[in-house]
């Protein structure tokens, strides 16, 4: 099974690109969404988070996201500790999920693919990019936040130039109708590689 990591900063349109791959029958694993699920559903992960952050984090039986956010976003060490607990659980879940997929390759969608070192767990990497003004407009419309808030979030993420240097493939997302060609090209590339790999088994 070929695994492809896909990332991009806020407002780049990463989810739009993933949707186009999904329409071709490709399995897409949303690591941000699944991490939230696992923090409630994975007993071992819950226990580890409780040990590190206190029982009040699950005082209502479910993870108190607001309380956790207050702890980790004001303390760099706490955020590192949380990521060190969550990322291995997510990758175990991703690997098990990938084994159940019927597509020739799968996508791991992660906003922090390189920051979390997850690029070492996939065979190929894609970054989705867009001009900052467009990213701000998209994110402000989607999240109902001010432009200033969005720009602060962008500043806190890995710069696009750095992402582009690290990724094997770059998709520039300005108009959705222009994405089809890039997605078709990469889909063909990964399908061919998967077929070659199955012949060599």
N, C-alpha and C. Protein backbone atom coordinates (compact mmCIF):
# COMPACT_ATOMS: atom_id res chain seq x y z
N UNK A 1 0.85 -1.21 0.00
CA UNK A 1 0.00 0.00 0.00
C UNK A 1 0.88 1.25 0.00
N UNK A 2 0.73 2.08 -1.01
CA UNK A 2 1.48 3.34 -1.08
C UNK A 2 0.76 4.39 -0.23
N UNK A 3 1.55 5.11 0.57
CA UNK A 3 0.99 6.14 1.46
C UNK A 3 1.54 7.50 1.05
N UNK A 4 0.63 8.45 0.88
CA UNK A 4 1.00 9.79 0.44
C UNK A 4 0.55 10.79 1.48
N UNK A 5 1.48 11.60 2.00
CA UNK A 5 1.14 12.64 2.96
C UNK A 5 0.81 13.92 2.22
N UNK A 6 -0.27 14.58 2.64
CA UNK A 6 -0.65 15.85 2.01
C UNK A 6 -0.84 16.91 3.09
N UNK A 7 -0.24 18.08 2.88
CA UNK A 7 -0.29 19.14 3.89
C UNK A 7 -0.44 20.50 3.23
N UNK A 8 -0.54 21.52 4.06
CA UNK A 8 -0.68 22.89 3.57
C UNK A 8 -1.19 23.76 4.71
N UNK A 9 -0.90 25.03 4.64
CA UNK A 9 -1.29 25.95 5.70
C UNK A 9 -2.78 26.30 5.65
N UNK A 10 -3.22 27.03 6.64
CA UNK A 10 -4.61 27.44 6.75
C UNK A 10 -5.08 28.17 5.48
N UNK A 11 -6.25 27.78 4.98
CA UNK A 11 -6.84 28.46 3.82
C UNK A 11 -6.25 28.08 2.48
N UNK A 12 -5.34 27.09 2.46
CA UNK A 12 -4.71 26.73 1.17
C UNK A 12 -5.64 25.90 0.29
N UNK A 13 -6.65 25.28 0.91
CA UNK A 13 -7.57 24.44 0.14
C UNK A 13 -7.18 22.98 0.10
N UNK A 14 -6.44 22.55 1.12
CA UNK A 14 -6.00 21.14 1.22
C UNK A 14 -7.19 20.18 1.19
N UNK A 15 -8.26 20.53 1.89
CA UNK A 15 -9.44 19.65 1.95
C UNK A 15 -10.12 19.53 0.58
N UNK A 16 -10.08 20.61 -0.20
CA UNK A 16 -10.65 20.59 -1.55
C UNK A 16 -9.88 19.61 -2.43
N UNK A 17 -8.55 19.65 -2.33
CA UNK A 17 -7.70 18.74 -3.10
C UNK A 17 -7.97 17.30 -2.67
N UNK A 18 -8.09 17.08 -1.36
CA UNK A 18 -8.36 15.72 -0.85
C UNK A 18 -9.71 15.21 -1.35
N UNK A 19 -10.68 16.11 -1.44
CA UNK A 19 -12.00 15.71 -1.93
C UNK A 19 -11.90 15.22 -3.39
N UNK A 20 -11.08 15.88 -4.19
CA UNK A 20 -10.92 15.49 -5.60
C UNK A 20 -10.27 14.11 -5.70
N UNK A 21 -9.29 13.84 -4.81
CA UNK A 21 -8.70 12.50 -4.78
C UNK A 21 -9.74 11.47 -4.34
N UNK A 22 -10.53 11.82 -3.33
CA UNK A 22 -11.55 10.90 -2.81
C UNK A 22 -12.57 10.55 -3.90
N UNK A 23 -12.87 11.53 -4.77
CA UNK A 23 -13.82 11.28 -5.86
C UNK A 23 -13.30 10.24 -6.85
N UNK A 24 -11.98 10.02 -6.82
CA UNK A 24 -11.38 9.00 -7.69
C UNK A 24 -11.29 7.65 -6.97
N UNK A 25 -11.89 7.58 -5.79
CA UNK A 25 -11.90 6.32 -5.04
C UNK A 25 -10.71 6.13 -4.13
N UNK A 26 -9.93 7.20 -3.93
CA UNK A 26 -8.74 7.11 -3.07
C UNK A 26 -9.15 7.31 -1.61
N UNK A 27 -8.64 6.46 -0.72
CA UNK A 27 -8.91 6.62 0.71
C UNK A 27 -8.18 7.83 1.26
N UNK A 28 -8.87 8.68 2.01
CA UNK A 28 -8.26 9.88 2.61
C UNK A 28 -8.46 9.82 4.12
N UNK A 29 -7.36 9.90 4.86
CA UNK A 29 -7.39 9.86 6.32
C UNK A 29 -7.14 11.27 6.84
N UNK A 30 -8.13 11.86 7.47
CA UNK A 30 -8.02 13.22 8.03
C UNK A 30 -7.44 13.10 9.44
N UNK A 31 -6.14 13.33 9.56
CA UNK A 31 -5.48 13.07 10.84
C UNK A 31 -5.93 14.03 11.94
N UNK A 32 -6.30 15.25 11.58
CA UNK A 32 -6.76 16.22 12.60
C UNK A 32 -8.09 15.75 13.19
N UNK A 33 -9.00 15.34 12.32
CA UNK A 33 -10.31 14.87 12.79
C UNK A 33 -10.16 13.58 13.60
N UNK A 34 -9.32 12.66 13.10
CA UNK A 34 -9.16 11.37 13.78
C UNK A 34 -8.44 11.53 15.12
N UNK A 35 -7.53 12.50 15.21
CA UNK A 35 -6.86 12.76 16.50
C UNK A 35 -7.89 13.17 17.55
N UNK A 36 -8.84 14.02 17.16
CA UNK A 36 -9.90 14.44 18.10
C UNK A 36 -10.73 13.23 18.55
N UNK A 37 -11.03 12.35 17.60
CA UNK A 37 -11.81 11.14 17.94
C UNK A 37 -11.02 10.25 18.90
N UNK A 38 -9.74 10.03 18.59
CA UNK A 38 -8.92 9.12 19.39
C UNK A 38 -8.71 9.63 20.81
N UNK A 39 -8.65 10.96 20.98
CA UNK A 39 -8.45 11.52 22.32
C UNK A 39 -9.63 11.20 23.24
N UNK A 40 -10.77 10.86 22.64
CA UNK A 40 -11.92 10.41 23.43
C UNK A 40 -12.06 8.89 23.42
N UNK A 41 -11.78 8.26 22.27
CA UNK A 41 -12.12 6.84 22.09
C UNK A 41 -11.01 5.87 22.46
N UNK A 42 -9.75 6.30 22.41
CA UNK A 42 -8.63 5.41 22.68
C UNK A 42 -8.31 5.44 24.18
N UNK A 43 -8.61 4.33 24.86
CA UNK A 43 -8.48 4.29 26.33
C UNK A 43 -7.05 4.58 26.81
N UNK A 44 -6.06 4.00 26.12
CA UNK A 44 -4.67 4.20 26.53
C UNK A 44 -4.26 5.66 26.35
N UNK A 45 -4.71 6.28 25.26
CA UNK A 45 -4.39 7.68 25.00
C UNK A 45 -5.07 8.58 26.03
N UNK A 46 -6.33 8.29 26.34
CA UNK A 46 -7.05 9.06 27.37
C UNK A 46 -6.31 9.02 28.70
N UNK A 47 -5.87 7.82 29.05
CA UNK A 47 -5.16 7.65 30.33
C UNK A 47 -3.87 8.46 30.35
N UNK A 48 -3.13 8.43 29.23
CA UNK A 48 -1.86 9.16 29.14
C UNK A 48 -2.09 10.67 29.21
N UNK A 49 -3.14 11.15 28.54
CA UNK A 49 -3.46 12.59 28.57
C UNK A 49 -3.89 13.01 29.97
N UNK A 50 -4.67 12.15 30.62
CA UNK A 50 -5.12 12.44 32.00
C UNK A 50 -3.93 12.52 32.95
N UNK A 51 -2.98 11.58 32.79
CA UNK A 51 -1.78 11.58 33.65
C UNK A 51 -0.99 12.87 33.49
N UNK A 52 -0.89 13.33 32.24
CA UNK A 52 -0.06 14.51 31.96
C UNK A 52 -0.79 15.82 32.29
N UNK A 53 -2.10 15.89 32.02
CA UNK A 53 -2.80 17.17 32.12
C UNK A 53 -3.84 17.24 33.24
N UNK A 54 -4.07 16.14 33.93
CA UNK A 54 -4.99 16.18 35.06
C UNK A 54 -6.37 15.64 34.70
N UNK A 55 -7.05 15.11 35.72
CA UNK A 55 -8.35 14.47 35.51
C UNK A 55 -9.43 15.44 35.04
N UNK A 56 -9.23 16.73 35.36
CA UNK A 56 -10.26 17.73 34.97
C UNK A 56 -10.39 17.86 33.46
N UNK A 57 -9.38 17.39 32.71
CA UNK A 57 -9.42 17.46 31.24
C UNK A 57 -10.58 16.61 30.70
N UNK A 58 -10.97 15.57 31.46
CA UNK A 58 -12.09 14.71 31.06
C UNK A 58 -13.21 14.75 32.11
N UNK A 59 -13.35 15.88 32.78
CA UNK A 59 -14.29 15.95 33.91
C UNK A 59 -15.73 15.63 33.53
N UNK A 60 -16.11 15.93 32.29
CA UNK A 60 -17.50 15.66 31.88
C UNK A 60 -17.63 14.32 31.16
N UNK A 61 -16.54 13.55 31.15
CA UNK A 61 -16.55 12.27 30.43
C UNK A 61 -16.00 12.38 29.03
N UNK A 62 -16.02 13.59 28.49
CA UNK A 62 -15.45 13.86 27.16
C UNK A 62 -14.29 14.84 27.34
N UNK A 63 -13.38 14.85 26.37
CA UNK A 63 -12.26 15.77 26.43
C UNK A 63 -12.75 17.21 26.44
N UNK A 64 -12.26 18.00 27.40
CA UNK A 64 -12.56 19.43 27.45
C UNK A 64 -11.53 20.14 26.58
N UNK A 65 -11.88 20.33 25.30
CA UNK A 65 -10.93 20.89 24.33
C UNK A 65 -10.46 22.29 24.72
N UNK A 66 -11.39 23.06 25.24
CA UNK A 66 -11.05 24.45 25.60
C UNK A 66 -10.00 24.47 26.71
N UNK A 67 -10.22 23.64 27.73
CA UNK A 67 -9.27 23.58 28.85
C UNK A 67 -7.91 23.08 28.38
N UNK A 68 -7.91 22.08 27.49
CA UNK A 68 -6.65 21.55 26.98
C UNK A 68 -5.93 22.61 26.14
N UNK A 69 -6.69 23.32 25.30
CA UNK A 69 -6.10 24.37 24.46
C UNK A 69 -5.44 25.44 25.32
N UNK A 70 -6.10 25.80 26.42
CA UNK A 70 -5.52 26.83 27.30
C UNK A 70 -4.19 26.37 27.89
N UNK A 71 -4.09 25.07 28.16
CA UNK A 71 -2.85 24.54 28.74
C UNK A 71 -1.73 24.48 27.70
N UNK A 72 -2.06 24.01 26.49
CA UNK A 72 -0.98 23.75 25.52
C UNK A 72 -0.58 24.97 24.69
N UNK A 73 -1.48 25.90 24.49
CA UNK A 73 -1.12 27.02 23.62
C UNK A 73 -0.43 28.15 24.37
N UNK A 74 -0.30 28.00 25.69
CA UNK A 74 0.45 28.99 26.45
C UNK A 74 1.75 28.37 26.97
N UNK A 75 1.99 27.12 26.61
CA UNK A 75 3.15 26.40 27.15
C UNK A 75 3.69 25.46 26.07
N UNK A 76 4.83 25.85 25.49
CA UNK A 76 5.42 25.08 24.40
C UNK A 76 5.74 23.65 24.79
N UNK A 77 6.20 23.45 26.03
CA UNK A 77 6.53 22.09 26.49
C UNK A 77 5.29 21.23 26.59
N UNK A 78 4.19 21.83 27.06
CA UNK A 78 2.92 21.08 27.18
C UNK A 78 2.43 20.65 25.79
N UNK A 79 2.58 21.54 24.81
CA UNK A 79 2.16 21.20 23.43
C UNK A 79 3.01 20.05 22.88
N UNK A 80 4.33 20.11 23.15
CA UNK A 80 5.22 19.02 22.70
C UNK A 80 4.81 17.70 23.34
N UNK A 81 4.50 17.76 24.64
CA UNK A 81 4.10 16.55 25.36
C UNK A 81 2.80 15.97 24.78
N UNK A 82 1.84 16.86 24.49
CA UNK A 82 0.57 16.40 23.92
C UNK A 82 0.80 15.74 22.57
N UNK A 83 1.59 16.39 21.72
CA UNK A 83 1.87 15.83 20.39
C UNK A 83 2.58 14.49 20.50
N UNK A 84 3.49 14.36 21.48
CA UNK A 84 4.23 13.11 21.66
C UNK A 84 3.30 11.97 22.07
N UNK A 85 2.18 12.30 22.70
CA UNK A 85 1.18 11.29 23.08
C UNK A 85 0.24 10.98 21.92
N UNK A 86 -0.20 12.03 21.24
CA UNK A 86 -1.26 11.89 20.22
C UNK A 86 -0.73 11.32 18.90
N UNK A 87 0.42 11.81 18.44
CA UNK A 87 0.89 11.40 17.11
C UNK A 87 1.11 9.90 16.96
N UNK A 88 1.74 9.22 17.94
CA UNK A 88 1.89 7.76 17.76
C UNK A 88 0.54 7.04 17.69
N UNK A 89 -0.43 7.50 18.49
CA UNK A 89 -1.77 6.87 18.45
C UNK A 89 -2.43 7.08 17.09
N UNK A 90 -2.28 8.29 16.54
CA UNK A 90 -2.85 8.61 15.22
C UNK A 90 -2.19 7.74 14.15
N UNK A 91 -0.87 7.60 14.20
CA UNK A 91 -0.19 6.83 13.17
C UNK A 91 -0.51 5.34 13.26
N UNK A 92 -0.69 4.83 14.47
CA UNK A 92 -1.13 3.42 14.61
C UNK A 92 -2.51 3.24 13.97
N UNK A 93 -3.38 4.21 14.25
CA UNK A 93 -4.73 4.16 13.71
C UNK A 93 -4.71 4.29 12.18
N UNK A 94 -3.86 5.18 11.68
CA UNK A 94 -3.72 5.38 10.23
C UNK A 94 -3.24 4.10 9.55
N UNK A 95 -2.21 3.47 10.12
CA UNK A 95 -1.65 2.25 9.51
C UNK A 95 -2.71 1.14 9.47
N UNK A 96 -3.46 1.00 10.56
CA UNK A 96 -4.51 -0.02 10.60
C UNK A 96 -5.61 0.30 9.59
N UNK A 97 -5.97 1.59 9.50
CA UNK A 97 -6.99 2.04 8.54
C UNK A 97 -6.52 1.78 7.10
N UNK A 98 -5.25 2.10 6.82
CA UNK A 98 -4.71 1.94 5.46
C UNK A 98 -4.80 0.48 5.01
N UNK A 99 -4.56 -0.44 5.94
CA UNK A 99 -4.63 -1.87 5.60
C UNK A 99 -6.03 -2.29 5.17
N UNK A 100 -7.03 -1.56 5.63
CA UNK A 100 -8.43 -1.92 5.30
C UNK A 100 -8.91 -1.29 3.99
N UNK A 101 -8.13 -0.38 3.42
CA UNK A 101 -8.57 0.33 2.22
C UNK A 101 -8.39 -0.51 0.97
N UNK A 102 -9.25 -0.27 0.00
CA UNK A 102 -9.18 -1.04 -1.24
C UNK A 102 -8.54 -0.27 -2.38
N UNK A 103 -8.26 1.03 -2.17
CA UNK A 103 -7.60 1.81 -3.22
C UNK A 103 -6.13 1.41 -3.30
N UNK A 104 -5.49 1.72 -4.42
CA UNK A 104 -4.08 1.34 -4.62
C UNK A 104 -3.13 2.18 -3.79
N UNK A 105 -3.58 3.35 -3.39
CA UNK A 105 -2.78 4.21 -2.51
C UNK A 105 -3.74 5.01 -1.65
N UNK A 106 -3.23 5.56 -0.56
CA UNK A 106 -4.07 6.36 0.35
C UNK A 106 -3.39 7.68 0.66
N UNK A 107 -4.20 8.63 1.11
CA UNK A 107 -3.67 9.94 1.51
C UNK A 107 -3.77 10.11 3.02
N UNK A 108 -2.71 10.63 3.61
CA UNK A 108 -2.71 11.05 5.01
C UNK A 108 -2.75 12.58 5.00
N UNK A 109 -3.90 13.13 5.35
CA UNK A 109 -4.06 14.60 5.37
C UNK A 109 -3.68 15.11 6.75
N UNK A 110 -2.66 15.98 6.81
CA UNK A 110 -2.21 16.52 8.09
C UNK A 110 -1.73 17.96 7.93
N UNK A 111 -2.22 18.84 8.80
CA UNK A 111 -1.79 20.25 8.77
C UNK A 111 -0.34 20.39 9.23
N UNK A 112 0.16 19.39 9.99
CA UNK A 112 1.52 19.49 10.54
C UNK A 112 2.36 18.28 10.14
N UNK A 113 2.25 17.89 8.90
CA UNK A 113 2.94 16.69 8.40
C UNK A 113 4.44 16.75 8.68
N UNK A 114 5.08 17.87 8.32
CA UNK A 114 6.53 17.99 8.49
C UNK A 114 6.90 18.37 9.92
N UNK A 115 6.11 19.25 10.53
CA UNK A 115 6.40 19.66 11.89
C UNK A 115 6.39 18.47 12.84
N UNK A 116 5.49 17.51 12.57
CA UNK A 116 5.35 16.33 13.45
C UNK A 116 6.24 15.17 13.02
N UNK A 117 7.01 15.36 11.94
CA UNK A 117 7.89 14.29 11.46
C UNK A 117 7.16 13.13 10.81
N UNK A 118 5.89 13.38 10.39
CA UNK A 118 5.10 12.29 9.82
C UNK A 118 5.51 11.95 8.39
N UNK A 119 6.32 12.83 7.79
CA UNK A 119 6.78 12.55 6.41
C UNK A 119 7.58 11.25 6.36
N UNK A 120 8.16 10.84 7.50
CA UNK A 120 8.94 9.60 7.52
C UNK A 120 8.06 8.35 7.51
N UNK A 121 6.75 8.55 7.71
CA UNK A 121 5.82 7.42 7.77
C UNK A 121 5.05 7.25 6.46
N UNK A 122 5.37 8.08 5.45
CA UNK A 122 4.69 7.97 4.15
C UNK A 122 5.73 7.84 3.04
N UNK A 123 5.27 7.43 1.85
CA UNK A 123 6.18 7.21 0.72
C UNK A 123 6.40 8.48 -0.11
N UNK A 124 5.38 9.34 -0.15
CA UNK A 124 5.45 10.57 -0.95
C UNK A 124 4.77 11.71 -0.20
N UNK A 125 5.12 12.93 -0.59
CA UNK A 125 4.52 14.10 0.08
C UNK A 125 4.05 15.14 -0.94
N UNK A 126 2.92 15.76 -0.62
CA UNK A 126 2.34 16.83 -1.45
C UNK A 126 2.10 18.03 -0.53
N UNK A 127 2.39 19.23 -1.01
CA UNK A 127 1.97 20.44 -0.30
C UNK A 127 1.02 21.22 -1.21
N UNK A 128 -0.06 21.70 -0.62
CA UNK A 128 -1.01 22.57 -1.33
C UNK A 128 -0.71 24.01 -0.93
N UNK A 129 -0.57 24.88 -1.93
CA UNK A 129 -0.22 26.28 -1.66
C UNK A 129 -1.21 27.21 -2.34
N UNK A 130 -1.27 28.45 -1.83
CA UNK A 130 -2.11 29.48 -2.45
C UNK A 130 -1.57 30.83 -1.99
N UNK A 131 -1.82 31.90 -2.77
CA UNK A 131 -1.38 33.24 -2.35
C UNK A 131 -1.98 33.60 -0.99
N UNK A 132 -1.21 34.31 -0.17
CA UNK A 132 -1.66 34.60 1.20
C UNK A 132 -2.98 35.35 1.23
N UNK A 133 -3.17 36.31 0.34
CA UNK A 133 -4.41 37.10 0.34
C UNK A 133 -5.63 36.19 0.13
N UNK A 134 -5.46 35.20 -0.72
CA UNK A 134 -6.55 34.25 -0.99
C UNK A 134 -6.77 33.33 0.21
N UNK A 135 -5.68 32.90 0.83
CA UNK A 135 -5.79 32.05 2.03
C UNK A 135 -6.53 32.79 3.15
N UNK A 136 -6.19 34.06 3.34
CA UNK A 136 -6.84 34.87 4.39
C UNK A 136 -8.33 34.98 4.10
N UNK A 137 -8.68 35.30 2.84
CA UNK A 137 -10.09 35.47 2.47
C UNK A 137 -10.86 34.17 2.66
N UNK A 138 -10.28 33.05 2.24
CA UNK A 138 -10.96 31.74 2.38
C UNK A 138 -11.18 31.39 3.85
N UNK A 139 -10.12 31.52 4.65
CA UNK A 139 -10.20 31.11 6.05
C UNK A 139 -11.13 32.02 6.85
N UNK A 140 -11.11 33.31 6.54
CA UNK A 140 -11.98 34.26 7.24
C UNK A 140 -13.44 33.95 6.95
N UNK A 141 -13.73 33.61 5.69
CA UNK A 141 -15.11 33.26 5.29
C UNK A 141 -15.54 31.95 5.94
N UNK A 142 -14.64 30.97 5.95
CA UNK A 142 -14.97 29.64 6.49
C UNK A 142 -15.13 29.66 8.01
N UNK A 143 -14.20 30.34 8.70
CA UNK A 143 -14.16 30.28 10.17
C UNK A 143 -14.85 31.46 10.85
N UNK A 144 -15.21 32.48 10.06
CA UNK A 144 -15.84 33.66 10.64
C UNK A 144 -14.88 34.45 11.53
N UNK A 145 -13.58 34.37 11.24
CA UNK A 145 -12.56 35.09 12.03
C UNK A 145 -12.14 36.37 11.30
N UNK A 146 -11.49 37.24 12.05
CA UNK A 146 -10.97 38.47 11.44
C UNK A 146 -9.72 38.15 10.62
N UNK A 147 -9.42 39.05 9.69
CA UNK A 147 -8.21 38.87 8.87
C UNK A 147 -6.97 38.84 9.76
N UNK A 148 -6.97 39.68 10.79
CA UNK A 148 -5.82 39.75 11.70
C UNK A 148 -5.58 38.40 12.39
N UNK A 149 -6.67 37.76 12.83
CA UNK A 149 -6.57 36.45 13.49
C UNK A 149 -6.00 35.42 12.54
N UNK A 150 -6.50 35.43 11.29
CA UNK A 150 -6.01 34.47 10.29
C UNK A 150 -4.53 34.69 10.00
N UNK A 151 -4.14 35.95 9.86
CA UNK A 151 -2.72 36.25 9.56
C UNK A 151 -1.81 35.80 10.72
N UNK A 152 -2.32 35.91 11.95
CA UNK A 152 -1.54 35.43 13.11
C UNK A 152 -1.37 33.92 13.04
N UNK A 153 -2.44 33.23 12.63
CA UNK A 153 -2.37 31.76 12.51
C UNK A 153 -1.38 31.36 11.42
N UNK A 154 -1.42 32.09 10.30
CA UNK A 154 -0.50 31.81 9.19
C UNK A 154 0.95 32.00 9.66
N UNK A 155 1.18 33.09 10.42
CA UNK A 155 2.53 33.40 10.90
C UNK A 155 3.05 32.31 11.84
N UNK A 156 2.14 31.62 12.52
CA UNK A 156 2.54 30.57 13.49
C UNK A 156 2.83 29.25 12.80
N UNK A 157 2.47 29.12 11.52
CA UNK A 157 2.68 27.86 10.80
C UNK A 157 3.99 27.89 10.02
N UNK A 158 4.44 26.72 9.59
CA UNK A 158 5.65 26.64 8.78
C UNK A 158 5.44 27.44 7.49
N UNK A 159 6.38 28.30 7.10
CA UNK A 159 6.20 29.10 5.87
C UNK A 159 6.03 28.21 4.64
N UNK A 160 5.23 28.69 3.69
CA UNK A 160 4.98 27.90 2.48
C UNK A 160 6.27 27.58 1.71
N UNK A 161 7.22 28.54 1.72
CA UNK A 161 8.47 28.31 0.99
C UNK A 161 9.19 27.08 1.57
N UNK A 162 9.15 26.95 2.90
CA UNK A 162 9.79 25.81 3.55
C UNK A 162 9.05 24.51 3.23
N UNK A 163 7.71 24.58 3.25
CA UNK A 163 6.90 23.40 2.90
C UNK A 163 7.22 22.95 1.47
N UNK A 164 7.31 23.92 0.57
CA UNK A 164 7.57 23.60 -0.85
C UNK A 164 8.94 22.95 -1.03
N UNK A 165 9.92 23.38 -0.22
CA UNK A 165 11.26 22.79 -0.29
C UNK A 165 11.24 21.33 0.16
N UNK A 166 10.42 21.05 1.17
CA UNK A 166 10.42 19.71 1.77
C UNK A 166 9.55 18.71 1.01
N UNK A 167 8.50 19.20 0.38
CA UNK A 167 7.55 18.29 -0.28
C UNK A 167 8.05 17.86 -1.66
N UNK A 168 7.67 16.66 -2.07
CA UNK A 168 8.03 16.16 -3.41
C UNK A 168 7.21 16.86 -4.49
N UNK A 169 5.92 17.08 -4.19
CA UNK A 169 5.00 17.65 -5.18
C UNK A 169 4.32 18.89 -4.60
N UNK A 170 4.11 19.89 -5.45
CA UNK A 170 3.42 21.12 -5.03
C UNK A 170 2.19 21.32 -5.91
N UNK A 171 1.05 21.55 -5.28
CA UNK A 171 -0.17 21.91 -6.01
C UNK A 171 -0.53 23.34 -5.63
N UNK A 172 -0.63 24.22 -6.63
CA UNK A 172 -1.03 25.61 -6.38
C UNK A 172 -2.53 25.71 -6.59
N UNK A 173 -3.22 26.10 -5.52
CA UNK A 173 -4.69 26.12 -5.54
C UNK A 173 -5.22 27.55 -5.59
N UNK A 174 -5.45 28.04 -6.82
CA UNK A 174 -6.04 29.38 -6.97
C UNK A 174 -7.51 29.24 -7.36
N UNK A 175 -7.76 28.45 -8.41
CA UNK A 175 -9.16 28.18 -8.81
C UNK A 175 -9.38 26.67 -8.77
N UNK A 176 -10.52 26.28 -8.22
CA UNK A 176 -10.78 24.84 -8.07
C UNK A 176 -10.79 24.13 -9.42
N UNK A 177 -11.30 24.81 -10.45
CA UNK A 177 -11.38 24.14 -11.77
C UNK A 177 -10.00 23.83 -12.35
N UNK A 178 -8.96 24.54 -11.85
CA UNK A 178 -7.61 24.29 -12.35
C UNK A 178 -6.92 23.14 -11.61
N UNK A 179 -7.54 22.64 -10.55
CA UNK A 179 -6.92 21.59 -9.74
C UNK A 179 -7.00 20.22 -10.40
N UNK A 180 -8.03 20.03 -11.21
CA UNK A 180 -8.30 18.72 -11.80
C UNK A 180 -7.07 18.13 -12.49
N UNK A 181 -6.37 18.97 -13.26
CA UNK A 181 -5.20 18.49 -14.01
C UNK A 181 -4.10 18.00 -13.09
N UNK A 182 -3.83 18.77 -12.02
CA UNK A 182 -2.77 18.39 -11.07
C UNK A 182 -3.13 17.10 -10.36
N UNK A 183 -4.40 16.98 -9.95
CA UNK A 183 -4.84 15.78 -9.25
C UNK A 183 -4.80 14.57 -10.19
N UNK A 184 -5.24 14.75 -11.43
CA UNK A 184 -5.20 13.65 -12.42
C UNK A 184 -3.78 13.15 -12.64
N UNK A 185 -2.84 14.11 -12.76
CA UNK A 185 -1.43 13.76 -13.00
C UNK A 185 -0.89 12.92 -11.83
N UNK A 186 -1.11 13.40 -10.60
CA UNK A 186 -0.57 12.69 -9.43
C UNK A 186 -1.28 11.34 -9.22
N UNK A 187 -2.57 11.32 -9.48
CA UNK A 187 -3.33 10.07 -9.36
C UNK A 187 -2.75 9.01 -10.30
N UNK A 188 -2.48 9.42 -11.53
CA UNK A 188 -1.90 8.50 -12.52
C UNK A 188 -0.52 8.02 -12.04
N UNK A 189 0.28 8.95 -11.52
CA UNK A 189 1.63 8.64 -11.04
C UNK A 189 1.60 7.58 -9.94
N UNK A 190 0.74 7.80 -8.93
CA UNK A 190 0.68 6.88 -7.79
C UNK A 190 0.03 5.54 -8.17
N UNK A 191 -0.94 5.60 -9.08
CA UNK A 191 -1.57 4.35 -9.56
C UNK A 191 -0.54 3.48 -10.28
N UNK A 192 0.27 4.12 -11.13
CA UNK A 192 1.29 3.38 -11.88
C UNK A 192 2.32 2.76 -10.93
N UNK A 193 2.72 3.54 -9.92
CA UNK A 193 3.70 3.04 -8.95
C UNK A 193 3.12 1.85 -8.17
N UNK A 194 1.86 1.95 -7.78
CA UNK A 194 1.21 0.88 -7.03
C UNK A 194 1.12 -0.39 -7.88
N UNK A 195 0.80 -0.22 -9.16
CA UNK A 195 0.69 -1.39 -10.05
C UNK A 195 2.04 -2.06 -10.23
N UNK A 196 3.10 -1.22 -10.37
CA UNK A 196 4.46 -1.77 -10.52
C UNK A 196 4.85 -2.55 -9.27
N UNK A 197 4.52 -1.96 -8.11
CA UNK A 197 4.88 -2.60 -6.82
C UNK A 197 4.17 -3.94 -6.69
N UNK A 198 2.90 -4.01 -7.12
CA UNK A 198 2.15 -5.28 -6.99
C UNK A 198 2.72 -6.34 -7.95
N UNK A 199 3.23 -5.92 -9.11
CA UNK A 199 3.81 -6.86 -10.07
C UNK A 199 5.14 -7.42 -9.55
N UNK A 200 5.84 -6.59 -8.77
CA UNK A 200 7.17 -7.00 -8.27
C UNK A 200 7.10 -7.84 -7.00
N UNK A 201 5.88 -8.04 -6.48
CA UNK A 201 5.74 -8.83 -5.23
C UNK A 201 6.07 -10.29 -5.48
